[in-house]
Amino acid sequence: MRARWTKAQGLDILGAHLIDYPSPTNLGYLWGIGSTAGLCLGIQIVTGIFLAMHYTPHVDLAFASVEHIMRDVNNGWLLRYLHANGASMFLSLYMYIWQRIFIMVLILTQESTYGVQVLLYIFL
């Protein structure tokens, strides 16, 4: 005899993993900035690689290559706009770094993490 899943069991599992997930009480919305910053950085890297495949860095051919990306490349317009909007979302990366620096200055623990974040801020 096979066990069947009921709708209530599926909702219970979904609720246990998404809604009733145990988390610390001091965990707020600002802690999600790190994942947003990582997502933006990943989008920038991936779309930048695909755009670099079609871009020509020459004075006379640069505009024509951007036009080629927008018109001839499949979903090139989407790649270009994702890359442009991802660049404006780098504000979340800087907000995350400043939040981390502020917390590390107050607590002064995890010194290796603090150094990596300062280097990341300098390189960006």
PDB file of N, CA and C in Angstrom:
ATOM      1  N   MET A   1       0.835  -1.164   0.000  1.00  0.00           N
ATOM      2  CA  MET A   1       0.000   0.000   0.000  1.00  0.00           C
ATOM      3  C   MET A   1       0.892   1.244   0.000  1.00  0.00           C
ATOM      4  N   ARG A   2       0.639   2.137  -0.941  1.00  0.00           N
ATOM      5  CA  ARG A   2       1.431   3.357  -1.045  1.00  0.00           C
ATOM      6  C   ARG A   2       0.815   4.470  -0.219  1.00  0.00           C
ATOM      7  N   ALA A   3       1.703   5.224   0.386  1.00  0.00           N
ATOM      8  CA  ALA A   3       1.227   6.384   1.153  1.00  0.00           C
ATOM      9  C   ALA A   3       0.985   7.538   0.190  1.00  0.00           C
ATOM     10  N   ARG A   4      -0.107   8.217   0.375  1.00  0.00           N
ATOM     11  CA  ARG A   4      -0.447   9.346  -0.488  1.00  0.00           C
ATOM     12  C   ARG A   4      -0.260  10.637   0.274  1.00  0.00           C
ATOM     13  N   TRP A   5       0.205  11.627  -0.452  1.00  0.00           N
ATOM     14  CA  TRP A   5       0.358  12.954   0.138  1.00  0.00           C
ATOM     15  C   TRP A   5      -0.956  13.696   0.033  1.00  0.00           C
ATOM     16  N   THR A   6      -1.353  14.267   1.116  1.00  0.00           N
ATOM     17  CA  THR A   6      -2.552  15.097   1.077  1.00  0.00           C
ATOM     18  C   THR A   6      -2.133  16.559   0.987  1.00  0.00           C
ATOM     19  N   LYS A   7      -3.080  17.372   0.651  1.00  0.00           N
ATOM     20  CA  LYS A   7      -2.805  18.800   0.525  1.00  0.00           C
ATOM     21  C   LYS A   7      -2.385  19.406   1.859  1.00  0.00           C
ATOM     22  N   ALA A   8      -2.988  18.948   2.953  1.00  0.00           N
ATOM     23  CA  ALA A   8      -2.654  19.468   4.277  1.00  0.00           C
ATOM     24  C   ALA A   8      -1.220  19.110   4.663  1.00  0.00           C
ATOM     25  N   GLN A   9      -0.773  17.905   4.317  1.00  0.00           N
ATOM     26  CA  GLN A   9       0.598  17.510   4.621  1.00  0.00           C
ATOM     27  C   GLN A   9       1.597  18.347   3.832  1.00  0.00           C
ATOM     28  N   GLY A  10       1.287  18.599   2.585  1.00  0.00           N
ATOM     29  CA  GLY A  10       2.171  19.438   1.762  1.00  0.00           C
ATOM     30  C   GLY A  10       2.263  20.855   2.292  1.00  0.00           C
ATOM     31  N   LEU A  11       1.128  21.400   2.741  1.00  0.00           N
ATOM     32  CA  LEU A  11       1.139  22.746   3.305  1.00  0.00           C
ATOM     33  C   LEU A  11       1.849  22.783   4.651  1.00  0.00           C
ATOM     34  N   ASP A  12       1.749  21.709   5.416  1.00  0.00           N
ATOM     35  CA  ASP A  12       2.463  21.645   6.690  1.00  0.00           C
ATOM     36  C   ASP A  12       3.975  21.655   6.472  1.00  0.00           C
ATOM     37  N   ILE A  13       4.437  20.900   5.494  1.00  0.00           N
ATOM     38  CA  ILE A  13       5.869  20.867   5.190  1.00  0.00           C
ATOM     39  C   ILE A  13       6.330  22.224   4.678  1.00  0.00           C
ATOM     40  N   LEU A  14       5.542  22.830   3.810  1.00  0.00           N
ATOM     41  CA  LEU A  14       5.877  24.147   3.283  1.00  0.00           C
ATOM     42  C   LEU A  14       5.915  25.187   4.398  1.00  0.00           C
ATOM     43  N   GLY A  15       4.947  25.152   5.287  1.00  0.00           N
ATOM     44  CA  GLY A  15       4.910  26.085   6.402  1.00  0.00           C
ATOM     45  C   GLY A  15       6.068  25.878   7.369  1.00  0.00           C
ATOM     46  N   ALA A  16       6.453  24.624   7.582  1.00  0.00           N
ATOM     47  CA  ALA A  16       7.560  24.344   8.497  1.00  0.00           C
ATOM     48  C   ALA A  16       8.887  24.853   7.955  1.00  0.00           C
ATOM     49  N   HIS A  17       9.035  24.858   6.641  1.00  0.00           N
ATOM     50  CA  HIS A  17      10.309  25.273   6.053  1.00  0.00           C
ATOM     51  C   HIS A  17      10.353  26.748   5.680  1.00  0.00           C
ATOM     52  N   LEU A  18       9.229  27.368   5.420  1.00  0.00           N
ATOM     53  CA  LEU A  18       9.248  28.760   4.983  1.00  0.00           C
ATOM     54  C   LEU A  18       8.743  29.742   6.034  1.00  0.00           C
ATOM     55  N   ILE A  19       7.735  29.374   6.774  1.00  0.00           N
ATOM     56  CA  ILE A  19       7.106  30.325   7.686  1.00  0.00           C
ATOM     57  C   ILE A  19       7.581  30.112   9.120  1.00  0.00           C
ATOM     58  N   ASP A  20       7.546  28.890   9.596  1.00  0.00           N
ATOM     59  CA  ASP A  20       7.866  28.604  10.992  1.00  0.00           C
ATOM     60  C   ASP A  20       9.329  28.226  11.186  1.00  0.00           C
ATOM     61  N   TYR A  21      10.199  28.688  10.308  1.00  0.00           N
ATOM     62  CA  TYR A  21      11.617  28.344  10.386  1.00  0.00           C
ATOM     63  C   TYR A  21      12.242  29.057  11.575  1.00  0.00           C
ATOM     64  N   PRO A  22      12.949  28.335  12.426  1.00  0.00           N
ATOM     65  CA  PRO A  22      13.534  28.990  13.600  1.00  0.00           C
ATOM     66  C   PRO A  22      14.682  29.914  13.202  1.00  0.00           C
ATOM     67  N   SER A  23      14.645  31.129  13.712  1.00  0.00           N
ATOM     68  CA  SER A  23      15.701  32.100  13.419  1.00  0.00           C
ATOM     69  C   SER A  23      15.922  32.964  14.656  1.00  0.00           C
ATOM     70  N   PRO A  24      17.091  33.572  14.757  1.00  0.00           N
ATOM     71  CA  PRO A  24      17.365  34.424  15.925  1.00  0.00           C
ATOM     72  C   PRO A  24      16.412  35.611  15.986  1.00  0.00           C
ATOM     73  N   THR A  25      16.177  36.100  17.187  1.00  0.00           N
ATOM     74  CA  THR A  25      15.239  37.215  17.354  1.00  0.00           C
ATOM     75  C   THR A  25      15.823  38.538  16.875  1.00  0.00           C
ATOM     76  N   ASN A  26      17.148  38.675  16.863  1.00  0.00           N
ATOM     77  CA  ASN A  26      17.746  39.934  16.428  1.00  0.00           C
ATOM     78  C   ASN A  26      17.971  39.990  14.928  1.00  0.00           C
ATOM     79  N   LEU A  27      17.493  39.014  14.196  1.00  0.00           N
ATOM     80  CA  LEU A  27      17.657  38.979  12.755  1.00  0.00           C
ATOM     81  C   LEU A  27      16.613  39.893  12.120  1.00  0.00           C
ATOM     82  N   GLY A  28      17.065  40.944  11.422  1.00  0.00           N
ATOM     83  CA  GLY A  28      16.143  41.901  10.827  1.00  0.00           C
ATOM     84  C   GLY A  28      16.266  41.920   9.312  1.00  0.00           C
ATOM     85  N   TYR A  29      15.576  42.875   8.713  1.00  0.00           N
ATOM     86  CA  TYR A  29      15.583  42.982   7.263  1.00  0.00           C
ATOM     87  C   TYR A  29      16.938  43.437   6.731  1.00  0.00           C
ATOM     88  N   LEU A  30      17.698  44.171   7.518  1.00  0.00           N
ATOM     89  CA  LEU A  30      18.990  44.649   7.047  1.00  0.00           C
ATOM     90  C   LEU A  30      19.997  43.520   6.838  1.00  0.00           C
ATOM     91  N   TRP A  31      19.762  42.369   7.455  1.00  0.00           N
ATOM     92  CA  TRP A  31      20.668  41.241   7.263  1.00  0.00           C
ATOM     93  C   TRP A  31      20.512  40.631   5.871  1.00  0.00           C
ATOM     94  N   GLY A  32      19.455  40.947   5.167  1.00  0.00           N
ATOM     95  CA  GLY A  32      19.265  40.447   3.808  1.00  0.00           C
ATOM     96  C   GLY A  32      20.017  41.240   2.762  1.00  0.00           C
ATOM     97  N   ILE A  33      20.654  42.327   3.158  1.00  0.00           N
ATOM     98  CA  ILE A  33      21.385  43.157   2.195  1.00  0.00           C
ATOM     99  C   ILE A  33      22.555  42.384   1.597  1.00  0.00           C
ATOM    100  N   GLY A  34      23.171  41.505   2.372  1.00  0.00           N
ATOM    101  CA  GLY A  34      24.316  40.740   1.874  1.00  0.00           C
ATOM    102  C   GLY A  34      23.941  39.836   0.715  1.00  0.00           C
ATOM    103  N   SER A  35      22.809  39.159   0.808  1.00  0.00           N
ATOM    104  CA  SER A  35      22.397  38.289  -0.294  1.00  0.00           C
ATOM    105  C   SER A  35      21.981  39.108  -1.511  1.00  0.00           C
ATOM    106  N   THR A  36      21.378  40.270  -1.278  1.00  0.00           N
ATOM    107  CA  THR A  36      21.035  41.148  -2.401  1.00  0.00           C
ATOM    108  C   THR A  36      22.291  41.656  -3.090  1.00  0.00           C
ATOM    109  N   ALA A  37      23.299  42.009  -2.308  1.00  0.00           N
ATOM    110  CA  ALA A  37      24.555  42.477  -2.878  1.00  0.00           C
ATOM    111  C   ALA A  37      25.244  41.368  -3.670  1.00  0.00           C
ATOM    112  N   GLY A  38      25.231  40.163  -3.148  1.00  0.00           N
ATOM    113  CA  GLY A  38      25.822  39.034  -3.871  1.00  0.00           C
ATOM    114  C   GLY A  38      25.085  38.726  -5.162  1.00  0.00           C
ATOM    115  N   LEU A  39      23.768  38.830  -5.130  1.00  0.00           N
ATOM    116  CA  LEU A  39      22.976  38.613  -6.340  1.00  0.00           C
ATOM    117  C   LEU A  39      23.299  39.661  -7.397  1.00  0.00           C
ATOM    118  N   CYS A  40      23.399  40.920  -6.984  1.00  0.00           N
ATOM    119  CA  CYS A  40      23.744  41.994  -7.928  1.00  0.00           C
ATOM    120  C   CYS A  40      25.131  41.783  -8.516  1.00  0.00           C
ATOM    121  N   LEU A  41      26.081  41.378  -7.685  1.00  0.00           N
ATOM    122  CA  LEU A  41      27.434  41.129  -8.175  1.00  0.00           C
ATOM    123  C   LEU A  41      27.449  39.973  -9.164  1.00  0.00           C
ATOM    124  N   GLY A  42      26.704  38.924  -8.878  1.00  0.00           N
ATOM    125  CA  GLY A  42      26.622  37.791  -9.804  1.00  0.00           C
ATOM    126  C   GLY A  42      25.995  38.179 -11.136  1.00  0.00           C
ATOM    127  N   ILE A  43      24.931  38.979 -11.090  1.00  0.00           N
ATOM    128  CA  ILE A  43      24.288  39.447 -12.326  1.00  0.00           C
ATOM    129  C   ILE A  43      25.252  40.296 -13.138  1.00  0.00           C
ATOM    130  N   GLN A  44      26.013  41.168 -12.458  1.00  0.00           N
ATOM    131  CA  GLN A  44      26.979  42.017 -13.146  1.00  0.00           C
ATOM    132  C   GLN A  44      28.047  41.191 -13.843  1.00  0.00           C
ATOM    133  N   ILE A  45      28.542  40.173 -13.178  1.00  0.00           N
ATOM    134  CA  ILE A  45      29.605  39.346 -13.760  1.00  0.00           C
ATOM    135  C   ILE A  45      29.094  38.574 -14.965  1.00  0.00           C
ATOM    136  N   VAL A  46      27.945  37.931 -14.821  1.00  0.00           N
ATOM    137  CA  VAL A  46      27.412  37.100 -15.911  1.00  0.00           C
ATOM    138  C   VAL A  46      27.023  37.952 -17.120  1.00  0.00           C
ATOM    139  N   THR A  47      26.274  39.034 -16.897  1.00  0.00           N
ATOM    140  CA  THR A  47      25.880  39.866 -18.035  1.00  0.00           C
ATOM    141  C   THR A  47      27.072  40.591 -18.635  1.00  0.00           C
ATOM    142  N   GLY A  48      28.056  40.944 -17.823  1.00  0.00           N
ATOM    143  CA  GLY A  48      29.258  41.598 -18.344  1.00  0.00           C
ATOM    144  C   GLY A  48      30.043  40.682 -19.256  1.00  0.00           C
ATOM    145  N   ILE A  49      30.127  39.406 -18.908  1.00  0.00           N
ATOM    146  CA  ILE A  49      30.836  38.456 -19.769  1.00  0.00           C
ATOM    147  C   ILE A  49      30.124  38.314 -21.102  1.00  0.00           C
ATOM    148  N   PHE A  50      28.799  38.182 -21.072  1.00  0.00           N
ATOM    149  CA  PHE A  50      28.055  38.023 -22.323  1.00  0.00           C
ATOM    150  C   PHE A  50      28.089  39.296 -23.174  1.00  0.00           C
ATOM    151  N   LEU A  51      28.053  40.458 -22.527  1.00  0.00           N
ATOM    152  CA  LEU A  51      28.141  41.703 -23.293  1.00  0.00           C
ATOM    153  C   LEU A  51      29.532  41.903 -23.875  1.00  0.00           C
ATOM    154  N   ALA A  52      30.559  41.470 -23.160  1.00  0.00           N
ATOM    155  CA  ALA A  52      31.935  41.615 -23.656  1.00  0.00           C
ATOM    156  C   ALA A  52      32.192  40.749 -24.881  1.00  0.00           C
ATOM    157  N   MET A  53      31.404  39.697 -25.060  1.00  0.00           N
ATOM    158  CA  MET A  53      31.568  38.851 -26.237  1.00  0.00           C
ATOM    159  C   MET A  53      31.195  39.576 -27.519  1.00  0.00           C
ATOM    160  N   HIS A  54      30.324  40.584 -27.418  1.00  0.00           N
ATOM    161  CA  HIS A  54      29.834  41.271 -28.611  1.00  0.00           C
ATOM    162  C   HIS A  54      30.297  42.715 -28.718  1.00  0.00           C
ATOM    163  N   TYR A  55      30.943  43.249 -27.686  1.00  0.00           N
ATOM    164  CA  TYR A  55      31.324  44.658 -27.679  1.00  0.00           C
ATOM    165  C   TYR A  55      32.667  44.856 -28.377  1.00  0.00           C
ATOM    166  N   THR A  56      32.801  45.955 -29.134  1.00  0.00           N
ATOM    167  CA  THR A  56      34.051  46.316 -29.795  1.00  0.00           C
ATOM    168  C   THR A  56      34.561  47.613 -29.191  1.00  0.00           C
ATOM    169  N   PRO A  57      35.696  47.578 -28.470  1.00  0.00           N
ATOM    170  CA  PRO A  57      36.194  48.791 -27.809  1.00  0.00           C
ATOM    171  C   PRO A  57      37.043  49.654 -28.745  1.00  0.00           C
ATOM    172  N   HIS A  58      36.437  50.171 -29.769  1.00  0.00           N
ATOM    173  CA  HIS A  58      37.128  51.052 -30.714  1.00  0.00           C
ATOM    174  C   HIS A  58      36.300  52.326 -30.857  1.00  0.00           C
ATOM    175  N   VAL A  59      36.980  53.450 -31.051  1.00  0.00           N
ATOM    176  CA  VAL A  59      36.290  54.739 -31.113  1.00  0.00           C
ATOM    177  C   VAL A  59      35.238  54.757 -32.218  1.00  0.00           C
ATOM    178  N   ASP A  60      35.571  54.217 -33.344  1.00  0.00           N
ATOM    179  CA  ASP A  60      34.654  54.277 -34.482  1.00  0.00           C
ATOM    180  C   ASP A  60      33.583  53.182 -34.450  1.00  0.00           C
ATOM    181  N   LEU A  61      33.848  52.087 -33.754  1.00  0.00           N
ATOM    182  CA  LEU A  61      32.941  50.935 -33.815  1.00  0.00           C
ATOM    183  C   LEU A  61      32.144  50.690 -32.532  1.00  0.00           C
ATOM    184  N   ALA A  62      32.378  51.463 -31.477  1.00  0.00           N
ATOM    185  CA  ALA A  62      31.731  51.195 -30.191  1.00  0.00           C
ATOM    186  C   ALA A  62      30.216  51.344 -30.270  1.00  0.00           C
ATOM    187  N   PHE A  63      29.745  52.444 -30.845  1.00  0.00           N
ATOM    188  CA  PHE A  63      28.298  52.642 -30.922  1.00  0.00           C
ATOM    189  C   PHE A  63      27.649  51.582 -31.800  1.00  0.00           C
ATOM    190  N   ALA A  64      28.316  51.227 -32.885  1.00  0.00           N
ATOM    191  CA  ALA A  64      27.769  50.189 -33.771  1.00  0.00           C
ATOM    192  C   ALA A  64      27.692  48.838 -33.051  1.00  0.00           C
ATOM    193  N   SER A  65      28.663  48.557 -32.188  1.00  0.00           N
ATOM    194  CA  SER A  65      28.612  47.278 -31.471  1.00  0.00           C
ATOM    195  C   SER A  65      27.492  47.276 -30.434  1.00  0.00           C
ATOM    196  N   VAL A  66      27.237  48.410 -29.779  1.00  0.00           N
ATOM    197  CA  VAL A  66      26.115  48.487 -28.839  1.00  0.00           C
ATOM    198  C   VAL A  66      24.799  48.348 -29.596  1.00  0.00           C
ATOM    199  N   GLU A  67      24.715  48.960 -30.733  1.00  0.00           N
ATOM    200  CA  GLU A  67      23.511  48.827 -31.568  1.00  0.00           C
ATOM    201  C   GLU A  67      23.333  47.388 -32.021  1.00  0.00           C
ATOM    202  N   HIS A  68      24.440  46.724 -32.342  1.00  0.00           N
ATOM    203  CA  HIS A  68      24.391  45.305 -32.719  1.00  0.00           C
ATOM    204  C   HIS A  68      23.870  44.462 -31.556  1.00  0.00           C
ATOM    205  N   ILE A  69      24.339  44.766 -30.355  1.00  0.00           N
ATOM    206  CA  ILE A  69      23.868  44.028 -29.176  1.00  0.00           C
ATOM    207  C   ILE A  69      22.372  44.228 -28.992  1.00  0.00           C
ATOM    208  N   MET A  70      21.910  45.460 -29.149  1.00  0.00           N
ATOM    209  CA  MET A  70      20.495  45.763 -28.912  1.00  0.00           C
ATOM    210  C   MET A  70      19.579  45.160 -29.976  1.00  0.00           C
ATOM    211  N   ARG A  71      20.041  45.090 -31.206  1.00  0.00           N
ATOM    212  CA  ARG A  71      19.146  44.674 -32.292  1.00  0.00           C
ATOM    213  C   ARG A  71      19.345  43.255 -32.784  1.00  0.00           C
ATOM    214  N   ASP A  72      20.582  42.809 -32.892  1.00  0.00           N
ATOM    215  CA  ASP A  72      20.854  41.537 -33.566  1.00  0.00           C
ATOM    216  C   ASP A  72      21.067  40.353 -32.624  1.00  0.00           C
ATOM    217  N   VAL A  73      21.569  40.597 -31.441  1.00  0.00           N
ATOM    218  CA  VAL A  73      21.827  39.512 -30.491  1.00  0.00           C
ATOM    219  C   VAL A  73      20.502  39.110 -29.853  1.00  0.00           C
ATOM    220  N   ASN A  74      20.279  37.814 -29.756  1.00  0.00           N
ATOM    221  CA  ASN A  74      19.058  37.329 -29.111  1.00  0.00           C
ATOM    222  C   ASN A  74      19.041  37.763 -27.650  1.00  0.00           C
ATOM    223  N   ASN A  75      18.001  38.470 -27.280  1.00  0.00           N
ATOM    224  CA  ASN A  75      17.825  39.019 -25.932  1.00  0.00           C
ATOM    225  C   ASN A  75      18.986  39.914 -25.512  1.00  0.00           C
ATOM    226  N   GLY A  76      19.632  40.548 -26.460  1.00  0.00           N
ATOM    227  CA  GLY A  76      20.727  41.462 -26.153  1.00  0.00           C
ATOM    228  C   GLY A  76      20.243  42.688 -25.408  1.00  0.00           C
ATOM    229  N   TRP A  77      19.056  43.141 -25.741  1.00  0.00           N
ATOM    230  CA  TRP A  77      18.479  44.287 -25.030  1.00  0.00           C
ATOM    231  C   TRP A  77      18.293  43.964 -23.560  1.00  0.00           C
ATOM    232  N   LEU A  78      17.880  42.713 -23.280  1.00  0.00           N
ATOM    233  CA  LEU A  78      17.676  42.298 -21.895  1.00  0.00           C
ATOM    234  C   LEU A  78      19.003  42.254 -21.140  1.00  0.00           C
ATOM    235  N   LEU A  79      20.041  41.717 -21.785  1.00  0.00           N
ATOM    236  CA  LEU A  79      21.357  41.674 -21.146  1.00  0.00           C
ATOM    237  C   LEU A  79      21.863  43.069 -20.838  1.00  0.00           C
ATOM    238  N   ARG A  80      21.703  43.981 -21.797  1.00  0.00           N
ATOM    239  CA  ARG A  80      22.198  45.342 -21.599  1.00  0.00           C
ATOM    240  C   ARG A  80      21.450  46.049 -20.469  1.00  0.00           C
ATOM    241  N   TYR A  81      20.136  45.900 -20.430  1.00  0.00           N
ATOM    242  CA  TYR A  81      19.365  46.567 -19.381  1.00  0.00           C
ATOM    243  C   TYR A  81      19.579  45.920 -18.014  1.00  0.00           C
ATOM    244  N   LEU A  82      19.754  44.591 -17.973  1.00  0.00           N
ATOM    245  CA  LEU A  82      20.089  43.948 -16.704  1.00  0.00           C
ATOM    246  C   LEU A  82      21.434  44.440 -16.184  1.00  0.00           C
ATOM    247  N   HIS A  83      22.392  44.595 -17.090  1.00  0.00           N
ATOM    248  CA  HIS A  83      23.711  45.071 -16.697  1.00  0.00           C
ATOM    249  C   HIS A  83      23.640  46.519 -16.205  1.00  0.00           C
ATOM    250  N   ALA A  84      22.864  47.348 -16.874  1.00  0.00           N
ATOM    251  CA  ALA A  84      22.739  48.754 -16.470  1.00  0.00           C
ATOM    252  C   ALA A  84      22.025  48.877 -15.122  1.00  0.00           C
ATOM    253  N   ASN A  85      20.956  48.131 -14.932  1.00  0.00           N
ATOM    254  CA  ASN A  85      20.233  48.195 -13.660  1.00  0.00           C
ATOM    255  C   ASN A  85      21.008  47.519 -12.538  1.00  0.00           C
ATOM    256  N   GLY A  86      21.773  46.509 -12.859  1.00  0.00           N
ATOM    257  CA  GLY A  86      22.613  45.877 -11.848  1.00  0.00           C
ATOM    258  C   GLY A  86      23.691  46.818 -11.350  1.00  0.00           C
ATOM    259  N   ALA A  87      24.171  47.690 -12.223  1.00  0.00           N
ATOM    260  CA  ALA A  87      25.180  48.664 -11.802  1.00  0.00           C
ATOM    261  C   ALA A  87      24.577  49.665 -10.835  1.00  0.00           C
ATOM    262  N   SER A  88      23.348  50.043 -11.047  1.00  0.00           N
ATOM    263  CA  SER A  88      22.726  50.976 -10.112  1.00  0.00           C
ATOM    264  C   SER A  88      22.367  50.301  -8.792  1.00  0.00           C
ATOM    265  N   MET A  89      22.261  48.990  -8.800  1.00  0.00           N
ATOM    266  CA  MET A  89      21.966  48.268  -7.570  1.00  0.00           C
ATOM    267  C   MET A  89      23.210  48.024  -6.728  1.00  0.00           C
ATOM    268  N   PHE A  90      24.368  48.478  -7.186  1.00  0.00           N
ATOM    269  CA  PHE A  90      25.579  48.327  -6.392  1.00  0.00           C
ATOM    270  C   PHE A  90      25.499  49.139  -5.108  1.00  0.00           C
ATOM    271  N   LEU A  91      24.522  50.018  -5.012  1.00  0.00           N
ATOM    272  CA  LEU A  91      24.305  50.739  -3.771  1.00  0.00           C
ATOM    273  C   LEU A  91      24.050  49.769  -2.624  1.00  0.00           C
ATOM    274  N   SER A  92      23.369  48.665  -2.908  1.00  0.00           N
ATOM    275  CA  SER A  92      23.123  47.675  -1.863  1.00  0.00           C
ATOM    276  C   SER A  92      24.429  47.036  -1.407  1.00  0.00           C
ATOM    277  N   LEU A  93      25.378  46.870  -2.315  1.00  0.00           N
ATOM    278  CA  LEU A  93      26.675  46.321  -1.940  1.00  0.00           C
ATOM    279  C   LEU A  93      27.403  47.268  -1.001  1.00  0.00           C
ATOM    280  N   TYR A  94      27.388  48.551  -1.316  1.00  0.00           N
ATOM    281  CA  TYR A  94      28.038  49.519  -0.445  1.00  0.00           C
ATOM    282  C   TYR A  94      27.311  49.637   0.899  1.00  0.00           C
ATOM    283  N   MET A  95      25.991  49.544   0.889  1.00  0.00           N
ATOM    284  CA  MET A  95      25.250  49.567   2.148  1.00  0.00           C
ATOM    285  C   MET A  95      25.631  48.366   3.017  1.00  0.00           C
ATOM    286  N   TYR A  96      25.778  47.212   2.393  1.00  0.00           N
ATOM    287  CA  TYR A  96      26.155  46.010   3.124  1.00  0.00           C
ATOM    288  C   TYR A  96      27.555  46.166   3.726  1.00  0.00           C
ATOM    289  N   ILE A  97      28.490  46.675   2.936  1.00  0.00           N
ATOM    290  CA  ILE A  97      29.858  46.827   3.433  1.00  0.00           C
ATOM    291  C   ILE A  97      29.897  47.817   4.588  1.00  0.00           C
ATOM    292  N   TRP A  98      29.201  48.940   4.444  1.00  0.00           N
ATOM    293  CA  TRP A  98      29.183  49.916   5.529  1.00  0.00           C
ATOM    294  C   TRP A  98      28.511  49.363   6.774  1.00  0.00           C
ATOM    295  N   GLN A  99      27.463  48.560   6.623  1.00  0.00           N
ATOM    296  CA  GLN A  99      26.820  47.932   7.767  1.00  0.00           C
ATOM    297  C   GLN A  99      27.791  46.992   8.468  1.00  0.00           C
ATOM    298  N   ARG A 100      28.512  46.196   7.692  1.00  0.00           N
ATOM    299  CA  ARG A 100      29.476  45.267   8.266  1.00  0.00           C
ATOM    300  C   ARG A 100      30.615  46.015   8.965  1.00  0.00           C
ATOM    301  N   ILE A 101      31.106  47.074   8.330  1.00  0.00           N
ATOM    302  CA  ILE A 101      32.187  47.843   8.945  1.00  0.00           C
ATOM    303  C   ILE A 101      31.707  48.451  10.262  1.00  0.00           C
ATOM    304  N   PHE A 102      30.520  48.985  10.274  1.00  0.00           N
ATOM    305  CA  PHE A 102      29.967  49.582  11.484  1.00  0.00           C
ATOM    306  C   PHE A 102      29.849  48.552  12.597  1.00  0.00           C
ATOM    307  N   ILE A 103      29.361  47.366  12.258  1.00  0.00           N
ATOM    308  CA  ILE A 103      29.214  46.313  13.264  1.00  0.00           C
ATOM    309  C   ILE A 103      30.579  45.846  13.751  1.00  0.00           C
ATOM    310  N   MET A 104      31.550  45.716  12.833  1.00  0.00           N
ATOM    311  CA  MET A 104      32.872  45.252  13.247  1.00  0.00           C
ATOM    312  C   MET A 104      33.584  46.278  14.120  1.00  0.00           C
ATOM    313  N   VAL A 105      33.359  47.549  13.867  1.00  0.00           N
ATOM    314  CA  VAL A 105      33.971  48.572  14.707  1.00  0.00           C
ATOM    315  C   VAL A 105      33.370  48.511  16.112  1.00  0.00           C
ATOM    316  N   LEU A 106      32.083  48.267  16.206  1.00  0.00           N
ATOM    317  CA  LEU A 106      31.443  48.188  17.509  1.00  0.00           C
ATOM    318  C   LEU A 106      31.829  46.931  18.276  1.00  0.00           C
ATOM    319  N   ILE A 107      31.913  45.822  17.602  1.00  0.00           N
ATOM    320  CA  ILE A 107      32.135  44.554  18.278  1.00  0.00           C
ATOM    321  C   ILE A 107      33.618  44.167  18.290  1.00  0.00           C
ATOM    322  N   LEU A 108      34.326  44.459  17.211  1.00  0.00           N
ATOM    323  CA  LEU A 108      35.749  44.136  17.042  1.00  0.00           C
ATOM    324  C   LEU A 108      36.041  42.647  17.224  1.00  0.00           C
ATOM    325  N   THR A 109      35.217  41.835  16.571  1.00  0.00           N
ATOM    326  CA  THR A 109      35.498  40.410  16.500  1.00  0.00           C
ATOM    327  C   THR A 109      35.587  40.048  15.027  1.00  0.00           C
ATOM    328  N   GLN A 110      35.997  38.867  14.743  1.00  0.00           N
ATOM    329  CA  GLN A 110      36.117  38.373  13.368  1.00  0.00           C
ATOM    330  C   GLN A 110      36.965  39.335  12.529  1.00  0.00           C
ATOM    331  N   GLU A 111      38.203  39.549  12.947  1.00  0.00           N
ATOM    332  CA  GLU A 111      39.057  40.532  12.294  1.00  0.00           C
ATOM    333  C   GLU A 111      39.377  40.157  10.857  1.00  0.00           C
ATOM    334  N   SER A 112      39.430  38.877  10.526  1.00  0.00           N
ATOM    335  CA  SER A 112      39.720  38.489   9.148  1.00  0.00           C
ATOM    336  C   SER A 112      38.566  38.880   8.224  1.00  0.00           C
ATOM    337  N   THR A 113      37.334  38.752   8.685  1.00  0.00           N
ATOM    338  CA  THR A 113      36.190  39.152   7.883  1.00  0.00           C
ATOM    339  C   THR A 113      36.195  40.659   7.657  1.00  0.00           C
ATOM    340  N   TYR A 114      36.562  41.409   8.668  1.00  0.00           N
ATOM    341  CA  TYR A 114      36.634  42.861   8.558  1.00  0.00           C
ATOM    342  C   TYR A 114      37.651  43.269   7.497  1.00  0.00           C
ATOM    343  N   GLY A 115      38.811  42.627   7.490  1.00  0.00           N
ATOM    344  CA  GLY A 115      39.840  42.960   6.508  1.00  0.00           C
ATOM    345  C   GLY A 115      39.411  42.640   5.087  1.00  0.00           C
ATOM    346  N   VAL A 116      38.737  41.516   4.898  1.00  0.00           N
ATOM    347  CA  VAL A 116      38.252  41.142   3.566  1.00  0.00           C
ATOM    348  C   VAL A 116      37.222  42.144   3.074  1.00  0.00           C
ATOM    349  N   GLN A 117      36.349  42.603   3.950  1.00  0.00           N
ATOM    350  CA  GLN A 117      35.314  43.556   3.536  1.00  0.00           C
ATOM    351  C   GLN A 117      35.905  44.913   3.200  1.00  0.00           C
ATOM    352  N   VAL A 118      36.918  45.336   3.924  1.00  0.00           N
ATOM    353  CA  VAL A 118      37.565  46.614   3.607  1.00  0.00           C
ATOM    354  C   VAL A 118      38.265  46.503   2.251  1.00  0.00           C
ATOM    355  N   LEU A 119      38.934  45.385   1.989  1.00  0.00           N
ATOM    356  CA  LEU A 119      39.573  45.193   0.684  1.00  0.00           C
ATOM    357  C   LEU A 119      38.549  45.166  -0.441  1.00  0.00           C
ATOM    358  N   LEU A 120      37.418  44.512  -0.223  1.00  0.00           N
ATOM    359  CA  LEU A 120      36.357  44.484  -1.224  1.00  0.00           C
ATOM    360  C   LEU A 120      35.832  45.889  -1.503  1.00  0.00           C
ATOM    361  N   TYR A 121      35.688  46.689  -0.455  1.00  0.00           N
ATOM    362  CA  TYR A 121      35.236  48.066  -0.632  1.00  0.00           C
ATOM    363  C   TYR A 121      36.250  48.886  -1.427  1.00  0.00           C
ATOM    364  N   ILE A 122      37.524  48.680  -1.164  1.00  0.00           N
ATOM    365  CA  ILE A 122      38.561  49.426  -1.886  1.00  0.00           C
ATOM    366  C   ILE A 122      38.598  49.028  -3.346  1.00  0.00           C
ATOM    367  N   PHE A 123      38.457  47.736  -3.642  1.00  0.00           N
ATOM    368  CA  PHE A 123      38.509  47.277  -5.030  1.00  0.00           C
ATOM    369  C   PHE A 123      37.291  47.672  -5.835  1.00  0.00           C
ATOM    370  N   LEU A 124      36.147  47.834  -5.181  1.00  0.00           N
ATOM    371  CA  LEU A 124      34.937  48.195  -5.902  1.00  0.00           C
ATOM    372  C   LEU A 124      34.872  49.696  -6.026  1.00  0.00           C
TER     373      LEU A 124
END
